[in-house]
Amino acid sequence: MRPLRIFIILLTLTTACKQKIISGPELEKRLIKTMQDHLDKTGKKDAVYKVEDVTFFADKEKKLYNCEFHVNVKAGDVHLDTTGIMKADIPNDFSEVLRKQ
């Protein structure tokens, strides 16, 4: 009886700790949030960034997402407003943003 309990506990722990695989709109939201957080931390202080949308490709060999973001940038002093494209790689764990362009 004891080995059965240990097996059940281990099985429960392994299934509970497994990382969820997200896809679709939830994945897009997570990629946008990751890029938005990165721009808020590393962007210029007088500019406001808003990530509008993302197009991405999952690179399974490198375990990352190749992303292309449309970002609206508003500069504070001159009142400039522009939308541009930023390219970045984001690892599957969403831990960092590797800007390419």
N, C-alpha and C. Protein backbone atom coordinates (compact mmCIF):
# COMPACT_ATOMS: atom_id res chain seq x y z
N MET A 1 0.81 -1.19 0.00
CA MET A 1 0.00 0.00 0.00
C MET A 1 0.86 1.26 0.00
N ARG A 2 1.98 1.20 0.72
CA ARG A 2 2.85 2.37 0.80
C ARG A 2 3.46 2.74 -0.55
N PRO A 3 3.95 1.79 -1.34
CA PRO A 3 4.50 2.15 -2.66
C PRO A 3 3.44 2.80 -3.57
N LEU A 4 2.18 2.38 -3.42
CA LEU A 4 1.12 2.97 -4.22
C LEU A 4 0.92 4.45 -3.85
N ARG A 5 0.96 4.78 -2.58
CA ARG A 5 0.82 6.16 -2.13
C ARG A 5 1.97 7.02 -2.66
N ILE A 6 3.17 6.50 -2.57
CA ILE A 6 4.34 7.24 -3.06
C ILE A 6 4.21 7.48 -4.56
N PHE A 7 3.79 6.47 -5.30
CA PHE A 7 3.59 6.62 -6.74
C PHE A 7 2.55 7.69 -7.05
N ILE A 8 1.44 7.68 -6.36
CA ILE A 8 0.38 8.67 -6.58
C ILE A 8 0.86 10.07 -6.26
N ILE A 9 1.60 10.24 -5.18
CA ILE A 9 2.12 11.55 -4.81
C ILE A 9 3.11 12.05 -5.87
N LEU A 10 4.01 11.19 -6.30
CA LEU A 10 4.97 11.59 -7.34
C LEU A 10 4.28 11.92 -8.66
N LEU A 11 3.30 11.14 -9.01
CA LEU A 11 2.55 11.40 -10.24
C LEU A 11 1.83 12.74 -10.15
N THR A 12 1.23 13.03 -9.02
CA THR A 12 0.54 14.31 -8.82
C THR A 12 1.51 15.48 -8.91
N LEU A 13 2.67 15.35 -8.29
CA LEU A 13 3.66 16.42 -8.33
C LEU A 13 4.18 16.68 -9.75
N THR A 14 4.43 15.62 -10.49
CA THR A 14 4.96 15.82 -11.84
C THR A 14 3.93 16.44 -12.78
N THR A 15 2.69 16.08 -12.64
CA THR A 15 1.67 16.67 -13.51
C THR A 15 1.31 18.09 -13.07
N ALA A 16 1.38 18.38 -11.80
CA ALA A 16 1.06 19.72 -11.30
C ALA A 16 2.16 20.72 -11.63
N CYS A 17 3.39 20.28 -11.68
CA CYS A 17 4.53 21.18 -11.91
C CYS A 17 4.86 21.35 -13.39
N LYS A 18 4.21 20.63 -14.26
CA LYS A 18 4.49 20.72 -15.69
C LYS A 18 4.04 22.08 -16.21
N GLN A 19 4.91 22.73 -17.02
CA GLN A 19 4.60 24.04 -17.57
C GLN A 19 3.48 23.90 -18.60
N LYS A 20 2.49 24.80 -18.50
CA LYS A 20 1.39 24.79 -19.44
C LYS A 20 1.86 25.29 -20.80
N ILE A 21 1.39 24.67 -21.84
CA ILE A 21 1.68 25.12 -23.20
C ILE A 21 0.53 26.02 -23.62
N ILE A 22 0.88 27.26 -23.95
CA ILE A 22 -0.16 28.20 -24.35
C ILE A 22 -0.08 28.42 -25.86
N SER A 23 -1.19 28.82 -26.43
CA SER A 23 -1.23 29.06 -27.87
C SER A 23 -2.34 30.06 -28.18
N GLY A 24 -2.41 30.45 -29.43
CA GLY A 24 -3.46 31.33 -29.90
C GLY A 24 -3.42 32.71 -29.28
N PRO A 25 -4.59 33.27 -28.98
CA PRO A 25 -4.67 34.62 -28.44
C PRO A 25 -3.94 34.79 -27.10
N GLU A 26 -3.94 33.74 -26.30
CA GLU A 26 -3.25 33.82 -25.01
C GLU A 26 -1.74 33.98 -25.21
N LEU A 27 -1.18 33.29 -26.18
CA LEU A 27 0.24 33.40 -26.50
C LEU A 27 0.56 34.79 -27.04
N GLU A 28 -0.29 35.31 -27.92
CA GLU A 28 -0.09 36.66 -28.45
C GLU A 28 -0.08 37.70 -27.33
N LYS A 29 -1.03 37.58 -26.41
CA LYS A 29 -1.09 38.52 -25.28
C LYS A 29 0.17 38.44 -24.43
N ARG A 30 0.68 37.23 -24.23
CA ARG A 30 1.88 37.05 -23.41
C ARG A 30 3.11 37.65 -24.09
N LEU A 31 3.22 37.47 -25.41
CA LEU A 31 4.33 38.05 -26.16
C LEU A 31 4.26 39.58 -26.15
N ILE A 32 3.07 40.13 -26.33
CA ILE A 32 2.89 41.58 -26.29
C ILE A 32 3.24 42.12 -24.92
N LYS A 33 2.79 41.46 -23.87
CA LYS A 33 3.08 41.91 -22.51
C LYS A 33 4.58 41.86 -22.23
N THR A 34 5.26 40.81 -22.69
CA THR A 34 6.70 40.69 -22.48
C THR A 34 7.44 41.84 -23.17
N MET A 35 7.06 42.14 -24.41
CA MET A 35 7.70 43.24 -25.14
C MET A 35 7.37 44.58 -24.51
N GLN A 36 6.12 44.76 -24.08
CA GLN A 36 5.72 46.02 -23.44
C GLN A 36 6.52 46.24 -22.16
N ASP A 37 6.68 45.22 -21.36
CA ASP A 37 7.47 45.33 -20.13
C ASP A 37 8.93 45.68 -20.45
N HIS A 38 9.47 45.06 -21.49
CA HIS A 38 10.85 45.34 -21.89
C HIS A 38 11.01 46.79 -22.32
N LEU A 39 10.07 47.30 -23.13
CA LEU A 39 10.15 48.69 -23.58
C LEU A 39 9.97 49.67 -22.43
N ASP A 40 9.10 49.34 -21.49
CA ASP A 40 8.91 50.21 -20.32
C ASP A 40 10.18 50.31 -19.49
N LYS A 41 10.94 49.22 -19.41
CA LYS A 41 12.17 49.21 -18.62
C LYS A 41 13.34 49.85 -19.35
N THR A 42 13.48 49.56 -20.65
CA THR A 42 14.69 49.96 -21.37
C THR A 42 14.49 51.13 -22.32
N GLY A 43 13.28 51.57 -22.54
CA GLY A 43 13.02 52.64 -23.49
C GLY A 43 13.46 54.00 -22.96
N LYS A 44 13.43 54.99 -23.84
CA LYS A 44 13.79 56.35 -23.44
C LYS A 44 12.77 56.87 -22.44
N LYS A 45 13.25 57.66 -21.50
CA LYS A 45 12.39 58.14 -20.41
C LYS A 45 11.29 59.09 -20.88
N ASP A 46 11.55 59.88 -21.92
CA ASP A 46 10.56 60.86 -22.37
C ASP A 46 9.62 60.32 -23.44
N ALA A 47 9.71 59.04 -23.76
CA ALA A 47 8.86 58.43 -24.78
C ALA A 47 7.88 57.45 -24.14
N VAL A 48 6.73 57.32 -24.76
CA VAL A 48 5.71 56.36 -24.32
C VAL A 48 5.53 55.33 -25.43
N TYR A 49 5.63 54.07 -25.08
CA TYR A 49 5.53 52.98 -26.04
C TYR A 49 4.25 52.20 -25.82
N LYS A 50 3.58 51.83 -26.92
CA LYS A 50 2.40 50.97 -26.82
C LYS A 50 2.50 49.92 -27.92
N VAL A 51 2.65 48.66 -27.51
CA VAL A 51 2.72 47.55 -28.45
C VAL A 51 1.31 47.25 -28.93
N GLU A 52 1.10 47.37 -30.23
CA GLU A 52 -0.25 47.22 -30.78
C GLU A 52 -0.58 45.78 -31.17
N ASP A 53 0.34 45.11 -31.88
CA ASP A 53 0.09 43.72 -32.26
C ASP A 53 1.41 43.01 -32.54
N VAL A 54 1.33 41.71 -32.74
CA VAL A 54 2.52 40.90 -32.96
C VAL A 54 2.24 39.84 -34.03
N THR A 55 3.26 39.59 -34.84
CA THR A 55 3.28 38.46 -35.76
C THR A 55 4.48 37.63 -35.34
N PHE A 56 4.29 36.32 -35.19
CA PHE A 56 5.39 35.52 -34.65
C PHE A 56 5.45 34.16 -35.32
N PHE A 57 6.64 33.56 -35.17
CA PHE A 57 6.90 32.21 -35.64
C PHE A 57 7.62 31.46 -34.53
N ALA A 58 7.16 30.28 -34.17
CA ALA A 58 7.79 29.49 -33.11
C ALA A 58 8.94 28.68 -33.71
N ASP A 59 10.17 28.97 -33.26
CA ASP A 59 11.35 28.22 -33.68
C ASP A 59 11.60 27.14 -32.64
N LYS A 60 11.20 25.91 -32.94
CA LYS A 60 11.27 24.82 -31.96
C LYS A 60 12.70 24.36 -31.70
N GLU A 61 13.59 24.49 -32.69
CA GLU A 61 14.98 24.09 -32.48
C GLU A 61 15.69 25.00 -31.48
N LYS A 62 15.49 26.29 -31.63
CA LYS A 62 16.14 27.27 -30.73
C LYS A 62 15.31 27.55 -29.48
N LYS A 63 14.10 27.04 -29.45
CA LYS A 63 13.18 27.22 -28.32
C LYS A 63 12.92 28.70 -28.06
N LEU A 64 12.48 29.39 -29.11
CA LEU A 64 12.13 30.80 -28.97
C LEU A 64 11.11 31.18 -30.02
N TYR A 65 10.57 32.39 -29.87
CA TYR A 65 9.61 32.93 -30.81
C TYR A 65 10.28 34.07 -31.58
N ASN A 66 10.25 34.02 -32.91
CA ASN A 66 10.70 35.13 -33.76
C ASN A 66 9.51 36.05 -33.93
N CYS A 67 9.62 37.26 -33.42
CA CYS A 67 8.47 38.16 -33.37
C CYS A 67 8.71 39.44 -34.15
N GLU A 68 7.62 39.99 -34.67
CA GLU A 68 7.61 41.30 -35.30
C GLU A 68 6.45 42.08 -34.68
N PHE A 69 6.78 43.16 -33.99
CA PHE A 69 5.80 43.95 -33.25
C PHE A 69 5.54 45.27 -33.96
N HIS A 70 4.29 45.71 -33.97
CA HIS A 70 3.96 47.07 -34.38
C HIS A 70 3.84 47.88 -33.08
N VAL A 71 4.68 48.91 -32.98
CA VAL A 71 4.77 49.68 -31.75
C VAL A 71 4.49 51.14 -32.05
N ASN A 72 3.58 51.74 -31.29
CA ASN A 72 3.30 53.17 -31.37
C ASN A 72 4.19 53.88 -30.36
N VAL A 73 4.93 54.89 -30.84
CA VAL A 73 5.84 55.64 -29.99
C VAL A 73 5.43 57.10 -29.98
N LYS A 74 5.29 57.65 -28.78
CA LYS A 74 4.98 59.08 -28.61
C LYS A 74 6.12 59.71 -27.83
N ALA A 75 6.78 60.69 -28.48
CA ALA A 75 7.85 61.41 -27.80
C ALA A 75 7.24 62.60 -27.07
N GLY A 76 7.65 62.79 -25.81
CA GLY A 76 7.03 63.78 -24.94
C GLY A 76 7.29 65.22 -25.30
N ASP A 77 8.54 65.62 -25.51
CA ASP A 77 8.87 67.03 -25.68
C ASP A 77 8.38 67.60 -27.00
N VAL A 78 8.52 66.85 -28.07
CA VAL A 78 8.23 67.38 -29.40
C VAL A 78 6.81 67.00 -29.86
N HIS A 79 6.15 66.16 -29.13
CA HIS A 79 4.81 65.67 -29.45
C HIS A 79 4.79 64.92 -30.78
N LEU A 80 5.81 64.12 -31.00
CA LEU A 80 5.86 63.28 -32.19
C LEU A 80 5.13 61.97 -31.90
N ASP A 81 4.45 61.47 -32.91
CA ASP A 81 3.71 60.23 -32.79
C ASP A 81 3.98 59.40 -34.04
N THR A 82 4.48 58.19 -33.86
CA THR A 82 4.77 57.34 -35.00
C THR A 82 4.56 55.88 -34.64
N THR A 83 4.26 55.08 -35.63
CA THR A 83 4.15 53.63 -35.45
C THR A 83 5.23 52.97 -36.28
N GLY A 84 5.98 52.09 -35.64
CA GLY A 84 7.07 51.42 -36.33
C GLY A 84 7.06 49.94 -36.06
N ILE A 85 8.00 49.25 -36.68
CA ILE A 85 8.12 47.80 -36.53
C ILE A 85 9.38 47.50 -35.74
N MET A 86 9.26 46.67 -34.73
CA MET A 86 10.40 46.20 -33.94
C MET A 86 10.42 44.68 -34.04
N LYS A 87 11.62 44.15 -34.29
CA LYS A 87 11.78 42.70 -34.38
C LYS A 87 12.58 42.23 -33.17
N ALA A 88 12.17 41.08 -32.63
CA ALA A 88 12.84 40.54 -31.45
C ALA A 88 12.61 39.04 -31.36
N ASP A 89 13.51 38.39 -30.64
CA ASP A 89 13.35 36.98 -30.29
C ASP A 89 13.01 36.91 -28.81
N ILE A 90 12.04 36.07 -28.49
CA ILE A 90 11.64 35.88 -27.10
C ILE A 90 11.69 34.39 -26.80
N PRO A 91 12.46 33.98 -25.77
CA PRO A 91 12.54 32.55 -25.43
C PRO A 91 11.17 32.00 -24.99
N ASN A 92 11.04 30.68 -25.03
CA ASN A 92 9.77 30.04 -24.65
C ASN A 92 9.35 30.32 -23.22
N ASP A 93 10.31 30.65 -22.34
CA ASP A 93 9.95 30.95 -20.95
C ASP A 93 9.66 32.43 -20.72
N PHE A 94 9.70 33.24 -21.77
CA PHE A 94 9.38 34.68 -21.72
C PHE A 94 10.28 35.43 -20.75
N SER A 95 11.52 34.98 -20.55
CA SER A 95 12.40 35.58 -19.55
C SER A 95 13.11 36.84 -20.03
N GLU A 96 13.29 36.98 -21.33
CA GLU A 96 14.00 38.15 -21.84
C GLU A 96 13.57 38.46 -23.26
N VAL A 97 13.99 39.64 -23.73
CA VAL A 97 13.71 40.05 -25.09
C VAL A 97 15.04 40.33 -25.77
N LEU A 98 15.27 39.67 -26.89
CA LEU A 98 16.50 39.84 -27.65
C LEU A 98 16.16 40.65 -28.91
N ARG A 99 16.36 41.97 -28.83
CA ARG A 99 16.00 42.85 -29.94
C ARG A 99 16.89 42.61 -31.14
N LYS A 100 16.30 42.57 -32.32
CA LYS A 100 17.05 42.42 -33.57
C LYS A 100 17.00 43.71 -34.38
N GLN A 101 15.90 44.43 -34.30
CA GLN A 101 15.75 45.65 -35.07
C GLN A 101 14.81 46.57 -34.34
